[in-house]
Amino acid sequence: MANNKKMLNLLMRRKAAGLTQKQLANIVDVSSKSISLYETGAVFPRRDILDKLAAALNCEPKDLI
């Protein structure tokens, strides 16, 4: 599902956690390209991936959107 809104909260939380896109991708079990697409808003993550991202970044899924 495409989303024009950038997921800037995902980007900010990832950087605050001191993680690279590749590191977060490894934790969540997706490609680093997927993380890039999520952060730019080109692709919106599926709900299960959004939940994994939130868990990895110690926040709620709604905090990333």
PDB file of N, CA and C in Angstrom:
ATOM      1  N   MET A   1       0.843  -1.176   0.000  1.00  0.00           N
ATOM      2  CA  MET A   1       0.000   0.000   0.000  1.00  0.00           C
ATOM      3  C   MET A   1       0.888   1.238   0.000  1.00  0.00           C
ATOM      4  N   ALA A   2       0.762   2.093  -0.957  1.00  0.00           N
ATOM      5  CA  ALA A   2       1.565   3.310  -1.038  1.00  0.00           C
ATOM      6  C   ALA A   2       1.008   4.364  -0.091  1.00  0.00           C
ATOM      7  N   ASN A   3       1.910   5.188   0.390  1.00  0.00           N
ATOM      8  CA  ASN A   3       1.528   6.235   1.324  1.00  0.00           C
ATOM      9  C   ASN A   3       2.390   7.447   1.020  1.00  0.00           C
ATOM     10  N   ASN A   4       1.783   8.589   0.745  1.00  0.00           N
ATOM     11  CA  ASN A   4       2.551   9.779   0.419  1.00  0.00           C
ATOM     12  C   ASN A   4       3.199  10.410   1.635  1.00  0.00           C
ATOM     13  N   LYS A   5       2.703  10.100   2.814  1.00  0.00           N
ATOM     14  CA  LYS A   5       3.252  10.674   4.038  1.00  0.00           C
ATOM     15  C   LYS A   5       4.543   9.952   4.415  1.00  0.00           C
ATOM     16  N   LYS A   6       5.584  10.722   4.587  1.00  0.00           N
ATOM     17  CA  LYS A   6       6.843  10.123   5.024  1.00  0.00           C
ATOM     18  C   LYS A   6       6.709   9.675   6.465  1.00  0.00           C
ATOM     19  N   MET A   7       7.355   8.580   6.774  1.00  0.00           N
ATOM     20  CA  MET A   7       7.333   8.074   8.149  1.00  0.00           C
ATOM     21  C   MET A   7       8.520   8.670   8.903  1.00  0.00           C
ATOM     22  N   LEU A   8       8.462   9.986   9.112  1.00  0.00           N
ATOM     23  CA  LEU A   8       9.574  10.675   9.751  1.00  0.00           C
ATOM     24  C   LEU A   8       9.781  10.214  11.185  1.00  0.00           C
ATOM     25  N   ASN A   9       8.713   9.785  11.845  1.00  0.00           N
ATOM     26  CA  ASN A   9       8.867   9.286  13.206  1.00  0.00           C
ATOM     27  C   ASN A   9       9.694   8.009  13.220  1.00  0.00           C
ATOM     28  N   LEU A  10       9.526   7.170  12.217  1.00  0.00           N
ATOM     29  CA  LEU A  10      10.344   5.961  12.107  1.00  0.00           C
ATOM     30  C   LEU A  10      11.803   6.348  11.934  1.00  0.00           C
ATOM     31  N   LEU A  11      12.069   7.274  11.054  1.00  0.00           N
ATOM     32  CA  LEU A  11      13.428   7.743  10.820  1.00  0.00           C
ATOM     33  C   LEU A  11      14.032   8.327  12.094  1.00  0.00           C
ATOM     34  N   MET A  12      13.294   9.200  12.754  1.00  0.00           N
ATOM     35  CA  MET A  12      13.818   9.845  13.969  1.00  0.00           C
ATOM     36  C   MET A  12      14.052   8.827  15.086  1.00  0.00           C
ATOM     37  N   ARG A  13      13.135   7.908  15.266  1.00  0.00           N
ATOM     38  CA  ARG A  13      13.297   6.906  16.328  1.00  0.00           C
ATOM     39  C   ARG A  13      14.438   5.943  16.017  1.00  0.00           C
ATOM     40  N   ARG A  14      14.611   5.599  14.752  1.00  0.00           N
ATOM     41  CA  ARG A  14      15.723   4.714  14.389  1.00  0.00           C
ATOM     42  C   ARG A  14      17.050   5.400  14.681  1.00  0.00           C
ATOM     43  N   LYS A  15      17.159   6.664  14.291  1.00  0.00           N
ATOM     44  CA  LYS A  15      18.402   7.401  14.538  1.00  0.00           C
ATOM     45  C   LYS A  15      18.636   7.605  16.032  1.00  0.00           C
ATOM     46  N   ALA A  16      17.572   7.891  16.775  1.00  0.00           N
ATOM     47  CA  ALA A  16      17.698   8.075  18.223  1.00  0.00           C
ATOM     48  C   ALA A  16      18.171   6.789  18.902  1.00  0.00           C
ATOM     49  N   ALA A  17      17.785   5.652  18.320  1.00  0.00           N
ATOM     50  CA  ALA A  17      18.206   4.362  18.867  1.00  0.00           C
ATOM     51  C   ALA A  17      19.627   4.011  18.443  1.00  0.00           C
ATOM     52  N   GLY A  18      20.200   4.834  17.572  1.00  0.00           N
ATOM     53  CA  GLY A  18      21.560   4.593  17.117  1.00  0.00           C
ATOM     54  C   GLY A  18      21.679   3.430  16.152  1.00  0.00           C
ATOM     55  N   LEU A  19      20.596   3.168  15.412  1.00  0.00           N
ATOM     56  CA  LEU A  19      20.584   2.049  14.482  1.00  0.00           C
ATOM     57  C   LEU A  19      20.686   2.524  13.043  1.00  0.00           C
ATOM     58  N   THR A  20      21.400   1.766  12.237  1.00  0.00           N
ATOM     59  CA  THR A  20      21.401   2.008  10.800  1.00  0.00           C
ATOM     60  C   THR A  20      20.171   1.334  10.216  1.00  0.00           C
ATOM     61  N   GLN A  21      19.869   1.661   8.973  1.00  0.00           N
ATOM     62  CA  GLN A  21      18.759   0.988   8.306  1.00  0.00           C
ATOM     63  C   GLN A  21      19.021  -0.509   8.238  1.00  0.00           C
ATOM     64  N   LYS A  22      20.258  -0.888   7.980  1.00  0.00           N
ATOM     65  CA  LYS A  22      20.605  -2.307   7.876  1.00  0.00           C
ATOM     66  C   LYS A  22      20.420  -3.010   9.221  1.00  0.00           C
ATOM     67  N   GLN A  23      20.835  -2.367  10.311  1.00  0.00           N
ATOM     68  CA  GLN A  23      20.679  -2.975  11.632  1.00  0.00           C
ATOM     69  C   GLN A  23      19.202  -3.173  11.981  1.00  0.00           C
ATOM     70  N   LEU A  24      18.389  -2.149  11.737  1.00  0.00           N
ATOM     71  CA  LEU A  24      16.961  -2.265  12.026  1.00  0.00           C
ATOM     72  C   LEU A  24      16.330  -3.336  11.134  1.00  0.00           C
ATOM     73  N   ALA A  25      16.743  -3.370   9.886  1.00  0.00           N
ATOM     74  CA  ALA A  25      16.227  -4.378   8.962  1.00  0.00           C
ATOM     75  C   ALA A  25      16.533  -5.782   9.461  1.00  0.00           C
ATOM     76  N   ASN A  26      17.726  -5.993   9.979  1.00  0.00           N
ATOM     77  CA  ASN A  26      18.096  -7.310  10.500  1.00  0.00           C
ATOM     78  C   ASN A  26      17.243  -7.690  11.709  1.00  0.00           C
ATOM     79  N   ILE A  27      16.968  -6.731  12.564  1.00  0.00           N
ATOM     80  CA  ILE A  27      16.154  -6.992  13.753  1.00  0.00           C
ATOM     81  C   ILE A  27      14.729  -7.370  13.352  1.00  0.00           C
ATOM     82  N   VAL A  28      14.186  -6.649  12.375  1.00  0.00           N
ATOM     83  CA  VAL A  28      12.792  -6.819  11.969  1.00  0.00           C
ATOM     84  C   VAL A  28      12.636  -7.920  10.913  1.00  0.00           C
ATOM     85  N   ASP A  29      13.742  -8.340  10.346  1.00  0.00           N
ATOM     86  CA  ASP A  29      13.765  -9.393   9.322  1.00  0.00           C
ATOM     87  C   ASP A  29      13.127  -8.943   8.009  1.00  0.00           C
ATOM     88  N   VAL A  30      13.550  -7.743   7.577  1.00  0.00           N
ATOM     89  CA  VAL A  30      13.199  -7.238   6.256  1.00  0.00           C
ATOM     90  C   VAL A  30      14.493  -6.731   5.623  1.00  0.00           C
ATOM     91  N   SER A  31      14.431  -6.291   4.390  1.00  0.00           N
ATOM     92  CA  SER A  31      15.626  -5.756   3.740  1.00  0.00           C
ATOM     93  C   SER A  31      15.858  -4.303   4.166  1.00  0.00           C
ATOM     94  N   SER A  32      17.094  -3.852   4.051  1.00  0.00           N
ATOM     95  CA  SER A  32      17.380  -2.450   4.363  1.00  0.00           C
ATOM     96  C   SER A  32      16.676  -1.546   3.352  1.00  0.00           C
ATOM     97  N   LYS A  33      16.471  -2.042   2.136  1.00  0.00           N
ATOM     98  CA  LYS A  33      15.721  -1.286   1.129  1.00  0.00           C
ATOM     99  C   LYS A  33      14.281  -1.064   1.607  1.00  0.00           C
ATOM    100  N   SER A  34      13.703  -2.068   2.261  1.00  0.00           N
ATOM    101  CA  SER A  34      12.344  -1.911   2.799  1.00  0.00           C
ATOM    102  C   SER A  34      12.302  -0.804   3.839  1.00  0.00           C
ATOM    103  N   ILE A  35      13.287  -0.777   4.729  1.00  0.00           N
ATOM    104  CA  ILE A  35      13.340   0.284   5.748  1.00  0.00           C
ATOM    105  C   ILE A  35      13.406   1.644   5.065  1.00  0.00           C
ATOM    106  N   SER A  36      14.231   1.756   4.047  1.00  0.00           N
ATOM    107  CA  SER A  36      14.339   3.009   3.298  1.00  0.00           C
ATOM    108  C   SER A  36      13.002   3.401   2.684  1.00  0.00           C
ATOM    109  N   LEU A  37      12.317   2.428   2.086  1.00  0.00           N
ATOM    110  CA  LEU A  37      11.012   2.710   1.481  1.00  0.00           C
ATOM    111  C   LEU A  37       9.980   3.122   2.525  1.00  0.00           C
ATOM    112  N   TYR A  38      10.016   2.511   3.694  1.00  0.00           N
ATOM    113  CA  TYR A  38       9.094   2.892   4.770  1.00  0.00           C
ATOM    114  C   TYR A  38       9.367   4.326   5.208  1.00  0.00           C
ATOM    115  N   GLU A  39      10.642   4.647   5.408  1.00  0.00           N
ATOM    116  CA  GLU A  39      10.995   5.978   5.913  1.00  0.00           C
ATOM    117  C   GLU A  39      10.643   7.086   4.930  1.00  0.00           C
ATOM    118  N   THR A  40      10.727   6.817   3.650  1.00  0.00           N
ATOM    119  CA  THR A  40      10.399   7.836   2.651  1.00  0.00           C
ATOM    120  C   THR A  40       8.917   7.903   2.340  1.00  0.00           C
ATOM    121  N   GLY A  41       8.166   6.916   2.811  1.00  0.00           N
ATOM    122  CA  GLY A  41       6.736   6.894   2.559  1.00  0.00           C
ATOM    123  C   GLY A  41       6.373   6.275   1.226  1.00  0.00           C
ATOM    124  N   ALA A  42       7.351   5.713   0.511  1.00  0.00           N
ATOM    125  CA  ALA A  42       7.068   5.076  -0.769  1.00  0.00           C
ATOM    126  C   ALA A  42       6.223   3.818  -0.577  1.00  0.00           C
ATOM    127  N   VAL A  43       6.424   3.156   0.556  1.00  0.00           N
ATOM    128  CA  VAL A  43       5.694   1.940   0.903  1.00  0.00           C
ATOM    129  C   VAL A  43       5.337   2.019   2.378  1.00  0.00           C
ATOM    130  N   PHE A  44       4.131   1.600   2.714  1.00  0.00           N
ATOM    131  CA  PHE A  44       3.736   1.543   4.119  1.00  0.00           C
ATOM    132  C   PHE A  44       3.873   0.096   4.578  1.00  0.00           C
ATOM    133  N   PRO A  45       4.513  -0.135   5.737  1.00  0.00           N
ATOM    134  CA  PRO A  45       4.714  -1.516   6.190  1.00  0.00           C
ATOM    135  C   PRO A  45       3.403  -2.211   6.548  1.00  0.00           C
ATOM    136  N   ARG A  46       3.374  -3.508   6.304  1.00  0.00           N
ATOM    137  CA  ARG A  46       2.230  -4.320   6.760  1.00  0.00           C
ATOM    138  C   ARG A  46       2.129  -4.193   8.274  1.00  0.00           C
ATOM    139  N   ARG A  47       0.978  -4.512   8.799  1.00  0.00           N
ATOM    140  CA  ARG A  47       0.738  -4.371  10.246  1.00  0.00           C
ATOM    141  C   ARG A  47       1.740  -5.191  11.076  1.00  0.00           C
ATOM    142  N   ASP A  48       2.030  -6.426  10.651  1.00  0.00           N
ATOM    143  CA  ASP A  48       2.961  -7.247  11.419  1.00  0.00           C
ATOM    144  C   ASP A  48       4.359  -6.644  11.424  1.00  0.00           C
ATOM    145  N   ILE A  49       4.755  -6.040  10.313  1.00  0.00           N
ATOM    146  CA  ILE A  49       6.073  -5.398  10.241  1.00  0.00           C
ATOM    147  C   ILE A  49       6.066  -4.124  11.085  1.00  0.00           C
ATOM    148  N   LEU A  50       4.984  -3.378  11.034  1.00  0.00           N
ATOM    149  CA  LEU A  50       4.869  -2.168  11.849  1.00  0.00           C
ATOM    150  C   LEU A  50       4.992  -2.524  13.334  1.00  0.00           C
ATOM    151  N   ASP A  51       4.364  -3.615  13.737  1.00  0.00           N
ATOM    152  CA  ASP A  51       4.467  -4.072  15.126  1.00  0.00           C
ATOM    153  C   ASP A  51       5.912  -4.438  15.488  1.00  0.00           C
ATOM    154  N   LYS A  52       6.610  -5.101  14.569  1.00  0.00           N
ATOM    155  CA  LYS A  52       8.012  -5.466  14.820  1.00  0.00           C
ATOM    156  C   LYS A  52       8.903  -4.234  14.889  1.00  0.00           C
ATOM    157  N   LEU A  53       8.642  -3.266  14.020  1.00  0.00           N
ATOM    158  CA  LEU A  53       9.409  -2.016  14.056  1.00  0.00           C
ATOM    159  C   LEU A  53       9.224  -1.316  15.399  1.00  0.00           C
ATOM    160  N   ALA A  54       7.979  -1.245  15.847  1.00  0.00           N
ATOM    161  CA  ALA A  54       7.687  -0.595  17.120  1.00  0.00           C
ATOM    162  C   ALA A  54       8.372  -1.319  18.276  1.00  0.00           C
ATOM    163  N   ALA A  55       8.320  -2.639  18.261  1.00  0.00           N
ATOM    164  CA  ALA A  55       8.971  -3.406  19.328  1.00  0.00           C
ATOM    165  C   ALA A  55      10.474  -3.171  19.320  1.00  0.00           C
ATOM    166  N   ALA A  56      11.059  -3.143  18.143  1.00  0.00           N
ATOM    167  CA  ALA A  56      12.504  -2.932  18.022  1.00  0.00           C
ATOM    168  C   ALA A  56      12.907  -1.543  18.499  1.00  0.00           C
ATOM    169  N   LEU A  57      12.008  -0.579  18.340  1.00  0.00           N
ATOM    170  CA  LEU A  57      12.315   0.801  18.711  1.00  0.00           C
ATOM    171  C   LEU A  57      11.673   1.197  20.038  1.00  0.00           C
ATOM    172  N   ASN A  58      11.136   0.200  20.752  1.00  0.00           N
ATOM    173  CA  ASN A  58      10.588   0.403  22.088  1.00  0.00           C
ATOM    174  C   ASN A  58       9.512   1.495  22.120  1.00  0.00           C
ATOM    175  N   CYS A  59       8.550   1.353  21.225  1.00  0.00           N
ATOM    176  CA  CYS A  59       7.448   2.318  21.175  1.00  0.00           C
ATOM    177  C   CYS A  59       6.196   1.598  20.686  1.00  0.00           C
ATOM    178  N   GLU A  60       5.134   2.327  20.562  1.00  0.00           N
ATOM    179  CA  GLU A  60       3.870   1.807  20.041  1.00  0.00           C
ATOM    180  C   GLU A  60       3.844   2.025  18.529  1.00  0.00           C
ATOM    181  N   PRO A  61       3.155   1.151  17.797  1.00  0.00           N
ATOM    182  CA  PRO A  61       3.065   1.352  16.346  1.00  0.00           C
ATOM    183  C   PRO A  61       2.565   2.746  15.969  1.00  0.00           C
ATOM    184  N   LYS A  62       1.609   3.271  16.703  1.00  0.00           N
ATOM    185  CA  LYS A  62       1.070   4.603  16.393  1.00  0.00           C
ATOM    186  C   LYS A  62       2.125   5.696  16.517  1.00  0.00           C
ATOM    187  N   ASP A  63       3.172   5.449  17.294  1.00  0.00           N
ATOM    188  CA  ASP A  63       4.241   6.432  17.463  1.00  0.00           C
ATOM    189  C   ASP A  63       5.105   6.565  16.209  1.00  0.00           C
ATOM    190  N   LEU A  64       5.032   5.593  15.330  1.00  0.00           N
ATOM    191  CA  LEU A  64       5.862   5.603  14.125  1.00  0.00           C
ATOM    192  C   LEU A  64       5.186   6.252  12.927  1.00  0.00           C
ATOM    193  N   ILE A  65       3.900   6.442  13.030  1.00  0.00           N
ATOM    194  CA  ILE A  65       3.130   6.947  11.898  1.00  0.00           C
ATOM    195  C   ILE A  65       2.979   8.460  11.990  1.00  0.00           C
TER     196      ILE A  65
END
